Each structure stands twice: as structure tokens, then as C-alpha cells.
Amino acid sequence: MVEFPLDPPLSKMIIESEKYNCSAEILTIVSMLSVPNVFYRPKQRETEADSMREKFFVPESDHLTLLNVFNQWKNSGYR
């Protein structure tokens, strides 16, 4: 894990993902965790921003929510 330029828990996620055949998904999640928050919540529009975020929400996990955000962006042609 020392060879990865990441926090140890994220490195472990990548290493272990091979066992579960989900490396692509884990790499996406780790990438999403490694950048600033993708959810923008402007003042004066918090309620609207929250309702838009709910459309991406996955109740089982915040990590799956991030994966869902990426997949929706990919499905829309990266727009």
C-alpha cells in the first residue's frame, strides 16, 4: 500500500477490489473521494441543491452515491 499515493484505506480498497471483481467501480469511487466535493450548495438555493442531490442518493452508502453520480454523468455523455 506504500506504493499508492493515497490514504491507506483507499489503497486497501483498490487492492481488495480485485477479489470482488469491482476494480473499475472502486477506482471511480476512490477518484471521486480524492477531489473536492462534487455537490455544490449555493447560498440562497440550499433547498433546491438538496432536492437535486436526492436524485442521486443511494441509501446504502455515500460511496455508492458518488458512484451513481459518476455513472449518471457518464450516461449523459459527460455533459
Protein backbone atom coordinates (compact mmCIF):
# COMPACT_ATOMS: atom_id res chain seq x y z
CA MET A 1 0.00 0.00 0.00
CA VAL A 2 3.00 2.27 0.42
CA GLU A 3 3.39 2.46 -3.35
CA PHE A 4 -0.03 4.09 -3.79
CA PRO A 5 -0.11 7.88 -3.44
CA LEU A 6 -3.32 7.62 -1.40
CA ASP A 7 -4.51 7.30 2.14
CA PRO A 8 -4.05 3.69 3.32
CA PRO A 9 -7.80 2.91 3.50
CA LEU A 10 -8.27 3.99 -0.12
CA SER A 11 -5.24 1.96 -1.19
CA LYS A 12 -6.67 -1.08 0.56
CA MET A 13 -10.00 -0.59 -1.22
CA ILE A 14 -8.22 -0.72 -4.58
CA ILE A 15 -6.16 -3.80 -3.67
CA GLU A 16 -9.15 -5.71 -2.27
CA SER A 17 -11.46 -4.77 -5.16
CA GLU A 18 -9.81 -7.35 -7.41
CA LYS A 19 -11.13 -10.16 -5.21
CA TYR A 20 -14.69 -8.95 -5.75
CA ASN A 21 -14.39 -8.12 -9.46
CA CYS A 22 -15.26 -4.47 -8.90
CA SER A 23 -11.98 -2.70 -9.62
CA ALA A 24 -13.49 -0.24 -12.11
CA GLU A 25 -16.18 0.79 -9.65
CA ILE A 26 -13.71 1.14 -6.76
CA LEU A 27 -11.32 3.20 -8.88
CA THR A 28 -14.21 5.52 -9.71
CA ILE A 29 -15.20 5.84 -6.06
CA VAL A 30 -11.61 6.46 -4.94
CA SER A 31 -11.25 9.09 -7.64
CA MET A 32 -14.45 10.80 -6.52
CA LEU A 33 -13.18 10.78 -2.92
CA SER A 34 -9.87 12.29 -4.00
CA VAL A 35 -11.32 15.50 -5.45
CA PRO A 36 -13.30 18.33 -3.85
CA ASN A 37 -16.96 17.62 -3.12
CA VAL A 38 -18.97 17.30 -6.34
CA PHE A 39 -22.12 18.64 -4.72
CA TYR A 40 -22.30 22.41 -4.88
CA ARG A 41 -24.72 24.03 -2.40
CA PRO A 42 -25.00 27.76 -3.13
CA LYS A 43 -26.40 30.09 -0.53
CA GLN A 44 -29.97 31.19 -1.20
CA ARG A 45 -30.57 27.91 -3.09
CA GLU A 46 -29.82 25.27 -0.45
CA THR A 47 -33.24 23.66 -0.71
CA GLU A 48 -33.03 23.37 -4.48
CA ALA A 49 -29.50 21.95 -4.29
CA ASP A 50 -30.58 19.42 -1.64
CA SER A 51 -33.50 18.23 -3.75
CA MET A 52 -31.21 17.78 -6.76
CA ARG A 53 -28.75 15.79 -4.66
CA GLU A 54 -31.56 13.48 -3.53
CA LYS A 55 -31.98 12.35 -7.14
CA PHE A 56 -28.53 10.72 -6.93
CA PHE A 57 -28.86 9.40 -3.37
CA VAL A 58 -28.22 5.69 -2.76
CA PRO A 59 -29.46 4.82 0.76
CA GLU A 60 -26.95 2.01 1.31
CA SER A 61 -23.81 4.14 1.09
CA ASP A 62 -22.33 7.57 0.42
CA HIS A 63 -19.72 5.80 -1.70
CA LEU A 64 -22.43 4.28 -3.87
CA THR A 65 -24.00 7.72 -4.16
CA LEU A 66 -20.71 9.01 -5.60
CA LEU A 67 -20.57 6.06 -7.99
CA ASN A 68 -24.14 6.82 -9.05
CA VAL A 69 -23.23 10.46 -9.71
CA PHE A 70 -20.35 9.39 -11.94
CA ASN A 71 -22.44 6.80 -13.80
CA GLN A 72 -25.24 9.30 -14.44
CA TRP A 73 -22.68 11.79 -15.76
CA LYS A 74 -21.16 9.11 -17.98
CA ASN A 75 -24.57 8.03 -19.27
CA SER A 76 -25.40 11.62 -20.19
CA GLY A 77 -22.39 11.79 -22.49
CA TYR A 78 -20.13 13.52 -19.94
CA ARG A 79 -22.18 16.75 -20.03
